[in-house]
């Protein structure tokens, strides 16, 4: 057995301790988001007493939270006042790239309850969310409008990477079909960036209202429409580019194959498919993508997949993989065409 020197042991102990307090870190960031500390600091340096008064907490306890946020690089201290760092600015509600809603989503209690079932679920092979809540995450959200609103707002923030999509894919003159596209953020981005493109958003009946609101200007211009549909029950035919953005990672291989077959049936000659997901690398696993893969295990029956796994799924369902392109935040575009 290889011996480890005392300094090396201490280094590894420090690293393990840093990993162990990760939950405390996320809770502290969540508290800052929930209290609206960044909004109070939006206009510049503020003393602790003023911040405490604005957010409605005690000054002494808030000072301890702010000290931790300073250590995390979210705020800076200058004497008796605090201000936001560039990272902390992203917690402001009015920041154009605000991540506050995503932080709020990750702090939802039903997330924590599902993760608390990780070890029992690993031991018996059950799905953690279902073990914690007695139903799937989709059933859970469908019956809880408030939770669904928080979820939808957070997912929209988590879609910031879509701003780059029109720069890596040419949508000029194409009719773009966004299947299961939530509130229409992705389709809005594509249509904004590509004046000659048109589009259609397909969403569940309970979720179409958000898409109708966001895409209203394009609907009025006759460049887009919003259609109620279910990717498990079949899709309207027609379209040049079909997009599945963060859909397949929610489902196991059998369900994902069913979705892909329905997309394939709706495609016409010359149509292409874009799968927008995080792609696993067996050679160089990264913390973000592997974390989301485990999160998919906890929350759904799905998973993140490697390029080879996507290739196999696509071949089984009437496609061939054409190319994989990188997007920010470890996202990728897997392009396929019908065969």
C-alpha atoms as a PDB file:
ATOM      1  CA  UNK A   1       0.000   0.000   0.000  1.00  0.00           C
ATOM      2  CA  UNK A   2       1.379   3.399  -0.998  1.00  0.00           C
ATOM      3  CA  UNK A   3       2.079   5.638   1.970  1.00  0.00           C
ATOM      4  CA  UNK A   4       0.914   9.253   1.905  1.00  0.00           C
ATOM      5  CA  UNK A   5       2.891  11.957   3.641  1.00  0.00           C
ATOM      6  CA  UNK A   6       1.208  14.076   6.317  1.00  0.00           C
ATOM      7  CA  UNK A   7       1.103  17.241   4.146  1.00  0.00           C
ATOM      8  CA  UNK A   8      -0.528  15.253   1.321  1.00  0.00           C
ATOM      9  CA  UNK A   9      -3.101  13.797   3.697  1.00  0.00           C
ATOM     10  CA  UNK A  10      -4.002  17.259   4.926  1.00  0.00           C
ATOM     11  CA  UNK A  11      -4.378  18.460   1.349  1.00  0.00           C
ATOM     12  CA  UNK A  12      -6.747  15.615   0.510  1.00  0.00           C
ATOM     13  CA  UNK A  13      -8.648  16.103   3.754  1.00  0.00           C
ATOM     14  CA  UNK A  14      -9.166  19.770   2.877  1.00  0.00           C
ATOM     15  CA  UNK A  15     -10.428  18.861  -0.588  1.00  0.00           C
ATOM     16  CA  UNK A  16     -12.833  16.249   0.781  1.00  0.00           C
ATOM     17  CA  UNK A  17     -14.108  18.715   3.387  1.00  0.00           C
ATOM     18  CA  UNK A  18     -14.689  21.273   0.636  1.00  0.00           C
ATOM     19  CA  UNK A  19     -16.815  18.747  -1.225  1.00  0.00           C
ATOM     20  CA  UNK A  20     -18.724  17.777   1.914  1.00  0.00           C
ATOM     21  CA  UNK A  21     -19.916  21.340   2.583  1.00  0.00           C
ATOM     22  CA  UNK A  22     -21.329  21.691  -0.922  1.00  0.00           C
ATOM     23  CA  UNK A  23     -24.872  21.414   0.435  1.00  0.00           C
ATOM     24  CA  UNK A  24     -24.183  24.281   2.833  1.00  0.00           C
ATOM     25  CA  UNK A  25     -22.898  26.349  -0.072  1.00  0.00           C
ATOM     26  CA  UNK A  26     -26.032  25.812  -2.138  1.00  0.00           C
ATOM     27  CA  UNK A  27     -28.239  26.616   0.862  1.00  0.00           C
ATOM     28  CA  UNK A  28     -26.366  29.867   1.492  1.00  0.00           C
ATOM     29  CA  UNK A  29     -26.662  30.887  -2.173  1.00  0.00           C
ATOM     30  CA  UNK A  30     -30.335  29.910  -2.031  1.00  0.00           C
ATOM     31  CA  UNK A  31     -30.873  32.068   1.051  1.00  0.00           C
ATOM     32  CA  UNK A  32     -29.280  35.045  -0.704  1.00  0.00           C
ATOM     33  CA  UNK A  33     -31.572  34.530  -3.694  1.00  0.00           C
ATOM     34  CA  UNK A  34     -34.719  34.042  -1.623  1.00  0.00           C
ATOM     35  CA  UNK A  35     -34.029  37.117   0.535  1.00  0.00           C
ATOM     36  CA  UNK A  36     -33.204  39.288  -2.474  1.00  0.00           C
ATOM     37  CA  UNK A  37     -29.848  40.439  -1.126  1.00  0.00           C
ATOM     38  CA  UNK A  38     -28.494  41.091  -4.615  1.00  0.00           C
ATOM     39  CA  UNK A  39     -31.447  43.354  -5.415  1.00  0.00           C
ATOM     40  CA  UNK A  40     -30.686  45.448  -2.336  1.00  0.00           C
ATOM     41  CA  UNK A  41     -27.046  45.741  -3.442  1.00  0.00           C
ATOM     42  CA  UNK A  42     -27.951  46.555  -7.049  1.00  0.00           C
ATOM     43  CA  UNK A  43     -27.324  50.284  -6.511  1.00  0.00           C
ATOM     44  CA  UNK A  44     -23.955  49.853  -4.826  1.00  0.00           C
ATOM     45  CA  UNK A  45     -22.327  49.366  -1.414  1.00  0.00           C
ATOM     46  CA  UNK A  46     -24.623  48.982   1.579  1.00  0.00           C
ATOM     47  CA  UNK A  47     -23.937  48.496   5.307  1.00  0.00           C
ATOM     48  CA  UNK A  48     -25.164  45.311   6.975  1.00  0.00           C
ATOM     49  CA  UNK A  49     -27.834  47.136   8.985  1.00  0.00           C
ATOM     50  CA  UNK A  50     -29.371  48.620   5.845  1.00  0.00           C
ATOM     51  CA  UNK A  51     -29.342  45.272   4.026  1.00  0.00           C
ATOM     52  CA  UNK A  52     -30.886  43.557   7.044  1.00  0.00           C
ATOM     53  CA  UNK A  53     -33.677  46.124   7.230  1.00  0.00           C
ATOM     54  CA  UNK A  54     -34.433  45.815   3.523  1.00  0.00           C
ATOM     55  CA  UNK A  55     -34.647  42.020   3.515  1.00  0.00           C
ATOM     56  CA  UNK A  56     -36.285  41.696   6.926  1.00  0.00           C
ATOM     57  CA  UNK A  57     -33.747  39.711   8.942  1.00  0.00           C
ATOM     58  CA  UNK A  58     -31.489  40.306  11.933  1.00  0.00           C
ATOM     59  CA  UNK A  59     -28.279  42.192  11.258  1.00  0.00           C
ATOM     60  CA  UNK A  60     -26.039  39.943  13.366  1.00  0.00           C
ATOM     61  CA  UNK A  61     -27.105  36.709  11.665  1.00  0.00           C
ATOM     62  CA  UNK A  62     -27.069  38.363   8.237  1.00  0.00           C
ATOM     63  CA  UNK A  63     -23.451  39.431   8.806  1.00  0.00           C
ATOM     64  CA  UNK A  64     -22.518  35.760   9.166  1.00  0.00           C
ATOM     65  CA  UNK A  65     -24.266  34.875   5.905  1.00  0.00           C
ATOM     66  CA  UNK A  66     -22.585  37.779   4.111  1.00  0.00           C
ATOM     67  CA  UNK A  67     -19.187  36.673   5.411  1.00  0.00           C
ATOM     68  CA  UNK A  68     -19.785  33.222   3.896  1.00  0.00           C
ATOM     69  CA  UNK A  69     -20.997  34.750   0.625  1.00  0.00           C
ATOM     70  CA  UNK A  70     -17.812  36.829   0.582  1.00  0.00           C
ATOM     71  CA  UNK A  71     -15.717  33.671   0.953  1.00  0.00           C
ATOM     72  CA  UNK A  72     -17.691  32.178  -1.941  1.00  0.00           C
ATOM     73  CA  UNK A  73     -16.933  35.154  -4.165  1.00  0.00           C
ATOM     74  CA  UNK A  74     -20.477  36.523  -4.427  1.00  0.00           C
ATOM     75  CA  UNK A  75     -19.971  39.740  -2.454  1.00  0.00           C
ATOM     76  CA  UNK A  76     -17.051  41.975  -1.531  1.00  0.00           C
ATOM     77  CA  UNK A  77     -16.495  43.812   1.742  1.00  0.00           C
ATOM     78  CA  UNK A  78     -15.068  47.285   2.031  1.00  0.00           C
ATOM     79  CA  UNK A  79     -14.904  48.277   5.658  1.00  0.00           C
ATOM     80  CA  UNK A  80     -18.460  48.062   6.969  1.00  0.00           C
ATOM     81  CA  UNK A  81     -20.200  47.811   3.601  1.00  0.00           C
ATOM     82  CA  UNK A  82     -20.822  45.039   1.089  1.00  0.00           C
ATOM     83  CA  UNK A  83     -21.161  45.088  -2.694  1.00  0.00           C
ATOM     84  CA  UNK A  84     -21.754  42.490  -5.392  1.00  0.00           C
ATOM     85  CA  UNK A  85     -19.056  40.759  -7.395  1.00  0.00           C
ATOM     86  CA  UNK A  86     -19.621  40.003 -11.087  1.00  0.00           C
ATOM     87  CA  UNK A  87     -20.813  36.509 -10.101  1.00  0.00           C
ATOM     88  CA  UNK A  88     -23.070  37.893  -7.382  1.00  0.00           C
ATOM     89  CA  UNK A  89     -24.664  40.245  -9.921  1.00  0.00           C
ATOM     90  CA  UNK A  90     -26.270  37.167 -11.518  1.00  0.00           C
ATOM     91  CA  UNK A  91     -28.516  36.869  -8.452  1.00  0.00           C
ATOM     92  CA  UNK A  92     -30.171  40.208  -9.213  1.00  0.00           C
ATOM     93  CA  UNK A  93     -33.742  39.895 -10.452  1.00  0.00           C
ATOM     94  CA  UNK A  94     -33.241  42.581 -13.103  1.00  0.00           C
ATOM     95  CA  UNK A  95     -29.907  41.330 -14.474  1.00  0.00           C
ATOM     96  CA  UNK A  96     -30.253  40.365 -18.172  1.00  0.00           C
ATOM     97  CA  UNK A  97     -28.531  37.061 -17.397  1.00  0.00           C
ATOM     98  CA  UNK A  98     -30.085  36.584 -13.967  1.00  0.00           C
ATOM     99  CA  UNK A  99     -29.873  33.078 -12.503  1.00  0.00           C
ATOM    100  CA  UNK A 100     -32.001  33.834  -9.441  1.00  0.00           C
ATOM    101  CA  UNK A 101     -34.965  31.773 -10.642  1.00  0.00           C
ATOM    102  CA  UNK A 102     -32.712  28.788 -11.293  1.00  0.00           C
ATOM    103  CA  UNK A 103     -31.266  29.066  -7.792  1.00  0.00           C
ATOM    104  CA  UNK A 104     -34.810  29.173  -6.398  1.00  0.00           C
ATOM    105  CA  UNK A 105     -35.705  26.030  -8.362  1.00  0.00           C
ATOM    106  CA  UNK A 106     -32.708  24.092  -7.080  1.00  0.00           C
ATOM    107  CA  UNK A 107     -33.719  25.035  -3.528  1.00  0.00           C
ATOM    108  CA  UNK A 108     -37.212  23.552  -3.848  1.00  0.00           C
ATOM    109  CA  UNK A 109     -37.909  21.084  -1.043  1.00  0.00           C
ATOM    110  CA  UNK A 110     -39.107  18.384  -3.416  1.00  0.00           C
ATOM    111  CA  UNK A 111     -35.616  18.333  -4.971  1.00  0.00           C
ATOM    112  CA  UNK A 112     -34.054  17.764  -1.536  1.00  0.00           C
ATOM    113  CA  UNK A 113     -36.619  15.107  -0.646  1.00  0.00           C
ATOM    114  CA  UNK A 114     -35.836  13.172  -3.827  1.00  0.00           C
ATOM    115  CA  UNK A 115     -32.068  13.368  -3.281  1.00  0.00           C
ATOM    116  CA  UNK A 116     -32.523  12.131   0.295  1.00  0.00           C
ATOM    117  CA  UNK A 117     -33.659   8.818  -1.230  1.00  0.00           C
ATOM    118  CA  UNK A 118     -30.485   8.323  -3.274  1.00  0.00           C
ATOM    119  CA  UNK A 119     -28.884   5.596  -1.157  1.00  0.00           C
ATOM    120  CA  UNK A 120     -32.113   3.617  -0.472  1.00  0.00           C
ATOM    121  CA  UNK A 121     -32.959   3.826  -4.179  1.00  0.00           C
ATOM    122  CA  UNK A 122     -29.492   2.633  -5.198  1.00  0.00           C
ATOM    123  CA  UNK A 123     -29.829  -0.337  -2.875  1.00  0.00           C
ATOM    124  CA  UNK A 124     -33.211  -1.524  -4.107  1.00  0.00           C
ATOM    125  CA  UNK A 125     -33.195  -0.203  -7.680  1.00  0.00           C
ATOM    126  CA  UNK A 126     -36.086   2.210  -7.246  1.00  0.00           C
ATOM    127  CA  UNK A 127     -36.442   5.665  -8.797  1.00  0.00           C
ATOM    128  CA  UNK A 128     -35.625   8.175  -5.997  1.00  0.00           C
ATOM    129  CA  UNK A 129     -38.230  10.823  -6.829  1.00  0.00           C
ATOM    130  CA  UNK A 130     -41.014   8.271  -7.048  1.00  0.00           C
ATOM    131  CA  UNK A 131     -39.847   6.696  -3.784  1.00  0.00           C
ATOM    132  CA  UNK A 132     -39.929  10.097  -2.055  1.00  0.00           C
ATOM    133  CA  UNK A 133     -43.195  11.388  -3.499  1.00  0.00           C
ATOM    134  CA  UNK A 134     -45.156   8.372  -4.689  1.00  0.00           C
ATOM    135  CA  UNK A 135     -45.439   9.680  -8.261  1.00  0.00           C
ATOM    136  CA  UNK A 136     -43.243  10.870 -11.123  1.00  0.00           C
ATOM    137  CA  UNK A 137     -41.882  14.402 -11.182  1.00  0.00           C
ATOM    138  CA  UNK A 138     -44.152  15.195 -14.135  1.00  0.00           C
ATOM    139  CA  UNK A 139     -47.248  13.998 -12.269  1.00  0.00           C
ATOM    140  CA  UNK A 140     -46.079  15.921  -9.203  1.00  0.00           C
ATOM    141  CA  UNK A 141     -45.723  19.188 -11.120  1.00  0.00           C
ATOM    142  CA  UNK A 142     -48.954  18.760 -13.085  1.00  0.00           C
ATOM    143  CA  UNK A 143     -50.967  18.791  -9.853  1.00  0.00           C
ATOM    144  CA  UNK A 144     -49.086  21.697  -8.230  1.00  0.00           C
ATOM    145  CA  UNK A 145     -49.375  24.934 -10.248  1.00  0.00           C
ATOM    146  CA  UNK A 146     -47.141  26.939  -7.900  1.00  0.00           C
ATOM    147  CA  UNK A 147     -44.328  24.393  -8.088  1.00  0.00           C
ATOM    148  CA  UNK A 148     -44.762  24.193 -11.863  1.00  0.00           C
ATOM    149  CA  UNK A 149     -44.407  27.978 -12.132  1.00  0.00           C
ATOM    150  CA  UNK A 150     -41.129  27.905 -10.176  1.00  0.00           C
ATOM    151  CA  UNK A 151     -39.945  24.957 -12.268  1.00  0.00           C
ATOM    152  CA  UNK A 152     -40.775  26.664 -15.577  1.00  0.00           C
ATOM    153  CA  UNK A 153     -39.071  29.908 -14.528  1.00  0.00           C
ATOM    154  CA  UNK A 154     -35.966  28.047 -13.427  1.00  0.00           C
ATOM    155  CA  UNK A 155     -35.767  25.927 -16.565  1.00  0.00           C
ATOM    156  CA  UNK A 156     -36.070  29.077 -18.695  1.00  0.00           C
ATOM    157  CA  UNK A 157     -33.027  30.534 -16.904  1.00  0.00           C
ATOM    158  CA  UNK A 158     -31.184  27.274 -17.398  1.00  0.00           C
ATOM    159  CA  UNK A 159     -31.730  27.693 -21.141  1.00  0.00           C
ATOM    160  CA  UNK A 160     -29.331  30.626 -21.419  1.00  0.00           C
ATOM    161  CA  UNK A 161     -27.112  28.504 -23.667  1.00  0.00           C
ATOM    162  CA  UNK A 162     -29.738  28.685 -26.429  1.00  0.00           C
ATOM    163  CA  UNK A 163     -28.553  32.194 -27.289  1.00  0.00           C
ATOM    164  CA  UNK A 164     -25.648  30.520 -29.083  1.00  0.00           C
ATOM    165  CA  UNK A 165     -27.770  28.041 -31.032  1.00  0.00           C
ATOM    166  CA  UNK A 166     -28.435  30.343 -34.043  1.00  0.00           C
ATOM    167  CA  UNK A 167     -24.671  30.877 -34.279  1.00  0.00           C
ATOM    168  CA  UNK A 168     -23.899  27.176 -34.705  1.00  0.00           C
ATOM    169  CA  UNK A 169     -26.938  26.176 -36.793  1.00  0.00           C
ATOM    170  CA  UNK A 170     -28.219  27.940 -39.935  1.00  0.00           C
ATOM    171  CA  UNK A 171     -32.001  28.394 -39.596  1.00  0.00           C
ATOM    172  CA  UNK A 172     -32.397  30.819 -42.538  1.00  0.00           C
ATOM    173  CA  UNK A 173     -35.595  30.143 -44.459  1.00  0.00           C
ATOM    174  CA  UNK A 174     -36.429  27.105 -42.318  1.00  0.00           C
ATOM    175  CA  UNK A 175     -39.589  26.154 -40.458  1.00  0.00           C
ATOM    176  CA  UNK A 176     -38.411  25.199 -36.990  1.00  0.00           C
ATOM    177  CA  UNK A 177     -40.477  22.777 -34.874  1.00  0.00           C
ATOM    178  CA  UNK A 178     -39.663  23.036 -31.168  1.00  0.00           C
ATOM    179  CA  UNK A 179     -41.043  19.846 -29.629  1.00  0.00           C
ATOM    180  CA  UNK A 180     -41.756  20.154 -25.908  1.00  0.00           C
ATOM    181  CA  UNK A 181     -40.238  23.631 -25.934  1.00  0.00           C
ATOM    182  CA  UNK A 182     -41.660  24.889 -22.644  1.00  0.00           C
ATOM    183  CA  UNK A 183     -42.369  28.615 -22.637  1.00  0.00           C
ATOM    184  CA  UNK A 184     -40.912  29.104 -26.134  1.00  0.00           C
ATOM    185  CA  UNK A 185     -37.591  30.647 -25.064  1.00  0.00           C
ATOM    186  CA  UNK A 186     -35.574  28.595 -27.562  1.00  0.00           C
ATOM    187  CA  UNK A 187     -37.915  29.242 -30.483  1.00  0.00           C
ATOM    188  CA  UNK A 188     -38.069  32.943 -29.628  1.00  0.00           C
ATOM    189  CA  UNK A 189     -34.259  33.063 -29.714  1.00  0.00           C
ATOM    190  CA  UNK A 190     -34.115  31.367 -33.109  1.00  0.00           C
ATOM    191  CA  UNK A 191     -36.797  33.601 -34.657  1.00  0.00           C
ATOM    192  CA  UNK A 192     -35.250  36.763 -33.203  1.00  0.00           C
ATOM    193  CA  UNK A 193     -31.861  35.882 -34.669  1.00  0.00           C
ATOM    194  CA  UNK A 194     -33.180  34.616 -38.020  1.00  0.00           C
ATOM    195  CA  UNK A 195     -35.716  36.955 -39.663  1.00  0.00           C
ATOM    196  CA  UNK A 196     -36.447  34.517 -42.503  1.00  0.00           C
ATOM    197  CA  UNK A 197     -37.241  31.578 -40.191  1.00  0.00           C
ATOM    198  CA  UNK A 198     -40.708  30.533 -39.049  1.00  0.00           C
ATOM    199  CA  UNK A 199     -41.594  28.189 -36.236  1.00  0.00           C
ATOM    200  CA  UNK A 200     -44.014  26.083 -34.295  1.00  0.00           C
ATOM    201  CA  UNK A 201     -44.000  25.325 -30.579  1.00  0.00           C
ATOM    202  CA  UNK A 202     -45.560  22.009 -29.539  1.00  0.00           C
ATOM    203  CA  UNK A 203     -46.334  21.643 -25.837  1.00  0.00           C
ATOM    204  CA  UNK A 204     -48.713  19.841 -23.511  1.00  0.00           C
ATOM    205  CA  UNK A 205     -52.175  21.456 -23.292  1.00  0.00           C
ATOM    206  CA  UNK A 206     -51.523  22.537 -19.683  1.00  0.00           C
ATOM    207  CA  UNK A 207     -48.329  24.359 -20.691  1.00  0.00           C
ATOM    208  CA  UNK A 208     -49.202  26.116 -23.962  1.00  0.00           C
ATOM    209  CA  UNK A 209     -50.303  29.372 -22.307  1.00  0.00           C
ATOM    210  CA  UNK A 210     -46.739  30.368 -21.400  1.00  0.00           C
ATOM    211  CA  UNK A 211     -45.584  29.766 -24.966  1.00  0.00           C
ATOM    212  CA  UNK A 212     -48.485  31.743 -26.371  1.00  0.00           C
ATOM    213  CA  UNK A 213     -47.520  34.722 -24.225  1.00  0.00           C
ATOM    214  CA  UNK A 214     -43.831  34.648 -25.102  1.00  0.00           C
ATOM    215  CA  UNK A 215     -44.340  34.034 -28.815  1.00  0.00           C
ATOM    216  CA  UNK A 216     -47.300  36.415 -29.253  1.00  0.00           C
ATOM    217  CA  UNK A 217     -45.357  38.939 -31.404  1.00  0.00           C
ATOM    218  CA  UNK A 218     -44.306  36.194 -33.813  1.00  0.00           C
ATOM    219  CA  UNK A 219     -47.807  34.736 -33.893  1.00  0.00           C
ATOM    220  CA  UNK A 220     -49.160  38.172 -34.810  1.00  0.00           C
ATOM    221  CA  UNK A 221     -46.595  38.387 -37.625  1.00  0.00           C
ATOM    222  CA  UNK A 222     -47.661  34.909 -38.819  1.00  0.00           C
ATOM    223  CA  UNK A 223     -44.132  33.639 -38.248  1.00  0.00           C
ATOM    224  CA  UNK A 224     -45.082  31.193 -35.514  1.00  0.00           C
ATOM    225  CA  UNK A 225     -47.889  29.201 -33.987  1.00  0.00           C
ATOM    226  CA  UNK A 226     -48.346  27.304 -30.736  1.00  0.00           C
ATOM    227  CA  UNK A 227     -49.930  23.856 -30.881  1.00  0.00           C
ATOM    228  CA  UNK A 228     -51.024  21.554 -28.074  1.00  0.00           C
ATOM    229  CA  UNK A 229     -49.548  18.107 -28.469  1.00  0.00           C
ATOM    230  CA  UNK A 230     -47.906  15.116 -26.836  1.00  0.00           C
ATOM    231  CA  UNK A 231     -44.665  13.670 -28.165  1.00  0.00           C
ATOM    232  CA  UNK A 232     -45.778  10.218 -26.993  1.00  0.00           C
ATOM    233  CA  UNK A 233     -49.050  10.390 -28.922  1.00  0.00           C
ATOM    234  CA  UNK A 234     -47.782  11.577 -32.310  1.00  0.00           C
ATOM    235  CA  UNK A 235     -46.888  14.957 -33.762  1.00  0.00           C
ATOM    236  CA  UNK A 236     -48.202  17.157 -36.588  1.00  0.00           C
ATOM    237  CA  UNK A 237     -46.273  16.530 -39.797  1.00  0.00           C
ATOM    238  CA  UNK A 238     -44.202  19.119 -41.616  1.00  0.00           C
ATOM    239  CA  UNK A 239     -41.182  21.235 -40.782  1.00  0.00           C
ATOM    240  CA  UNK A 240     -37.574  21.618 -41.834  1.00  0.00           C
ATOM    241  CA  UNK A 241     -35.788  21.419 -38.465  1.00  0.00           C
ATOM    242  CA  UNK A 242     -37.153  19.552 -35.448  1.00  0.00           C
ATOM    243  CA  UNK A 243     -35.652  20.347 -32.046  1.00  0.00           C
ATOM    244  CA  UNK A 244     -35.681  18.238 -28.893  1.00  0.00           C
ATOM    245  CA  UNK A 245     -34.051  20.422 -26.251  1.00  0.00           C
ATOM    246  CA  UNK A 246     -33.504  18.751 -22.881  1.00  0.00           C
ATOM    247  CA  UNK A 247     -36.279  16.266 -23.578  1.00  0.00           C
ATOM    248  CA  UNK A 248     -34.589  12.898 -24.022  1.00  0.00           C
ATOM    249  CA  UNK A 249     -32.543  13.148 -20.825  1.00  0.00           C
ATOM    250  CA  UNK A 250     -35.831  12.926 -18.900  1.00  0.00           C
ATOM    251  CA  UNK A 251     -36.633   9.462 -20.268  1.00  0.00           C
ATOM    252  CA  UNK A 252     -35.165   5.972 -20.419  1.00  0.00           C
ATOM    253  CA  UNK A 253     -34.119   4.435 -23.731  1.00  0.00           C
ATOM    254  CA  UNK A 254     -37.492   2.852 -24.502  1.00  0.00           C
ATOM    255  CA  UNK A 255     -39.415   6.076 -23.935  1.00  0.00           C
ATOM    256  CA  UNK A 256     -36.770   8.122 -25.775  1.00  0.00           C
ATOM    257  CA  UNK A 257     -37.028   5.757 -28.740  1.00  0.00           C
ATOM    258  CA  UNK A 258     -40.810   6.239 -28.780  1.00  0.00           C
ATOM    259  CA  UNK A 259     -40.348  10.015 -28.867  1.00  0.00           C
ATOM    260  CA  UNK A 260     -37.796   9.768 -31.665  1.00  0.00           C
ATOM    261  CA  UNK A 261     -40.055   7.500 -33.732  1.00  0.00           C
ATOM    262  CA  UNK A 262     -42.893  10.013 -33.443  1.00  0.00           C
ATOM    263  CA  UNK A 263     -40.572  12.810 -34.525  1.00  0.00           C
ATOM    264  CA  UNK A 264     -39.355  10.681 -37.431  1.00  0.00           C
ATOM    265  CA  UNK A 265     -42.962  10.034 -38.526  1.00  0.00           C
ATOM    266  CA  UNK A 266     -43.642  13.784 -38.582  1.00  0.00           C
ATOM    267  CA  UNK A 267     -40.592  14.610 -40.691  1.00  0.00           C
ATOM    268  CA  UNK A 268     -40.605  15.056 -44.436  1.00  0.00           C
ATOM    269  CA  UNK A 269     -37.816  14.540 -46.950  1.00  0.00           C
ATOM    270  CA  UNK A 270     -34.871  16.792 -46.178  1.00  0.00           C
ATOM    271  CA  UNK A 271     -35.861  17.480 -42.568  1.00  0.00           C
ATOM    272  CA  UNK A 272     -33.252  17.388 -39.827  1.00  0.00           C
ATOM    273  CA  UNK A 273     -33.333  16.784 -36.088  1.00  0.00           C
ATOM    274  CA  UNK A 274     -31.387  18.701 -33.436  1.00  0.00           C
ATOM    275  CA  UNK A 275     -31.029  17.079 -30.013  1.00  0.00           C
ATOM    276  CA  UNK A 276     -29.802  19.650 -27.494  1.00  0.00           C
ATOM    277  CA  UNK A 277     -28.423  17.948 -24.397  1.00  0.00           C
ATOM    278  CA  UNK A 278     -25.331  17.509 -22.278  1.00  0.00           C
ATOM    279  CA  UNK A 279     -23.216  14.708 -23.736  1.00  0.00           C
ATOM    280  CA  UNK A 280     -21.228  12.397 -21.486  1.00  0.00           C
ATOM    281  CA  UNK A 281     -17.565  11.738 -22.121  1.00  0.00           C
ATOM    282  CA  UNK A 282     -16.124   8.483 -20.797  1.00  0.00           C
ATOM    283  CA  UNK A 283     -12.590   9.754 -21.368  1.00  0.00           C
ATOM    284  CA  UNK A 284     -12.875  13.095 -19.568  1.00  0.00           C
ATOM    285  CA  UNK A 285     -15.958  13.217 -17.308  1.00  0.00           C
ATOM    286  CA  UNK A 286     -16.834  16.711 -16.134  1.00  0.00           C
ATOM    287  CA  UNK A 287     -18.528  17.658 -12.834  1.00  0.00           C
ATOM    288  CA  UNK A 288     -21.482  19.487 -14.412  1.00  0.00           C
ATOM    289  CA  UNK A 289     -22.509  16.850 -16.963  1.00  0.00           C
ATOM    290  CA  UNK A 290     -21.976  13.900 -14.632  1.00  0.00           C
ATOM    291  CA  UNK A 291     -23.885  15.755 -11.884  1.00  0.00           C
ATOM    292  CA  UNK A 292     -26.828  16.223 -14.233  1.00  0.00           C
ATOM    293  CA  UNK A 293     -26.653  12.560 -15.191  1.00  0.00           C
ATOM    294  CA  UNK A 294     -27.024  11.564 -11.540  1.00  0.00           C
ATOM    295  CA  UNK A 295     -29.702  14.242 -11.065  1.00  0.00           C
ATOM    296  CA  UNK A 296     -31.677  12.666 -13.914  1.00  0.00           C
ATOM    297  CA  UNK A 297     -31.460   9.341 -12.069  1.00  0.00           C
ATOM    298  CA  UNK A 298     -32.771  10.995  -8.906  1.00  0.00           C
ATOM    299  CA  UNK A 299     -35.567  13.008 -10.523  1.00  0.00           C
ATOM    300  CA  UNK A 300     -36.647  10.999 -13.572  1.00  0.00           C
ATOM    301  CA  UNK A 301     -36.223   7.674 -15.358  1.00  0.00           C
ATOM    302  CA  UNK A 302     -33.787   9.352 -17.735  1.00  0.00           C
ATOM    303  CA  UNK A 303     -30.078   9.952 -18.116  1.00  0.00           C
ATOM    304  CA  UNK A 304     -27.455  11.944 -19.947  1.00  0.00           C
ATOM    305  CA  UNK A 305     -25.895   9.951 -22.788  1.00  0.00           C
ATOM    306  CA  UNK A 306     -22.630   9.613 -24.682  1.00  0.00           C
ATOM    307  CA  UNK A 307     -22.265  10.187 -28.411  1.00  0.00           C
ATOM    308  CA  UNK A 308     -22.253   6.424 -28.995  1.00  0.00           C
ATOM    309  CA  UNK A 309     -25.439   6.013 -26.965  1.00  0.00           C
ATOM    310  CA  UNK A 310     -27.164   8.716 -29.005  1.00  0.00           C
ATOM    311  CA  UNK A 311     -25.918   7.115 -32.212  1.00  0.00           C
ATOM    312  CA  UNK A 312     -27.441   3.764 -31.214  1.00  0.00           C
ATOM    313  CA  UNK A 313     -30.776   5.372 -30.296  1.00  0.00           C
ATOM    314  CA  UNK A 314     -30.865   7.287 -33.561  1.00  0.00           C
ATOM    315  CA  UNK A 315     -30.044   4.262 -35.718  1.00  0.00           C
ATOM    316  CA  UNK A 316     -32.795   2.249 -33.996  1.00  0.00           C
ATOM    317  CA  UNK A 317     -35.381   4.939 -34.758  1.00  0.00           C
ATOM    318  CA  UNK A 318     -34.640   5.763 -38.395  1.00  0.00           C
ATOM    319  CA  UNK A 319     -31.923   8.410 -38.160  1.00  0.00           C
ATOM    320  CA  UNK A 320     -28.229   8.761 -38.698  1.00  0.00           C
ATOM    321  CA  UNK A 321     -26.020  10.991 -36.583  1.00  0.00           C
ATOM    322  CA  UNK A 322     -24.464  13.776 -38.657  1.00  0.00           C
ATOM    323  CA  UNK A 323     -22.474  15.977 -36.300  1.00  0.00           C
ATOM    324  CA  UNK A 324     -22.052  17.056 -32.675  1.00  0.00           C
ATOM    325  CA  UNK A 325     -21.414  20.748 -31.959  1.00  0.00           C
ATOM    326  CA  UNK A 326     -20.572  22.451 -28.678  1.00  0.00           C
ATOM    327  CA  UNK A 327     -22.689  25.030 -26.861  1.00  0.00           C
ATOM    328  CA  UNK A 328     -21.951  26.917 -23.602  1.00  0.00           C
ATOM    329  CA  UNK A 329     -22.483  25.358 -20.162  1.00  0.00           C
ATOM    330  CA  UNK A 330     -21.370  21.921 -21.413  1.00  0.00           C
ATOM    331  CA  UNK A 331     -24.374  21.646 -23.727  1.00  0.00           C
ATOM    332  CA  UNK A 332     -24.155  20.130 -27.202  1.00  0.00           C
ATOM    333  CA  UNK A 333     -26.184  19.968 -30.396  1.00  0.00           C
ATOM    334  CA  UNK A 334     -26.481  16.441 -31.774  1.00  0.00           C
ATOM    335  CA  UNK A 335     -27.592  16.803 -35.394  1.00  0.00           C
ATOM    336  CA  UNK A 336     -29.291  13.886 -37.140  1.00  0.00           C
ATOM    337  CA  UNK A 337     -31.124  13.283 -40.391  1.00  0.00           C
ATOM    338  CA  UNK A 338     -33.794  10.814 -41.357  1.00  0.00           C
ATOM    339  CA  UNK A 339     -32.784   7.751 -43.357  1.00  0.00           C
END
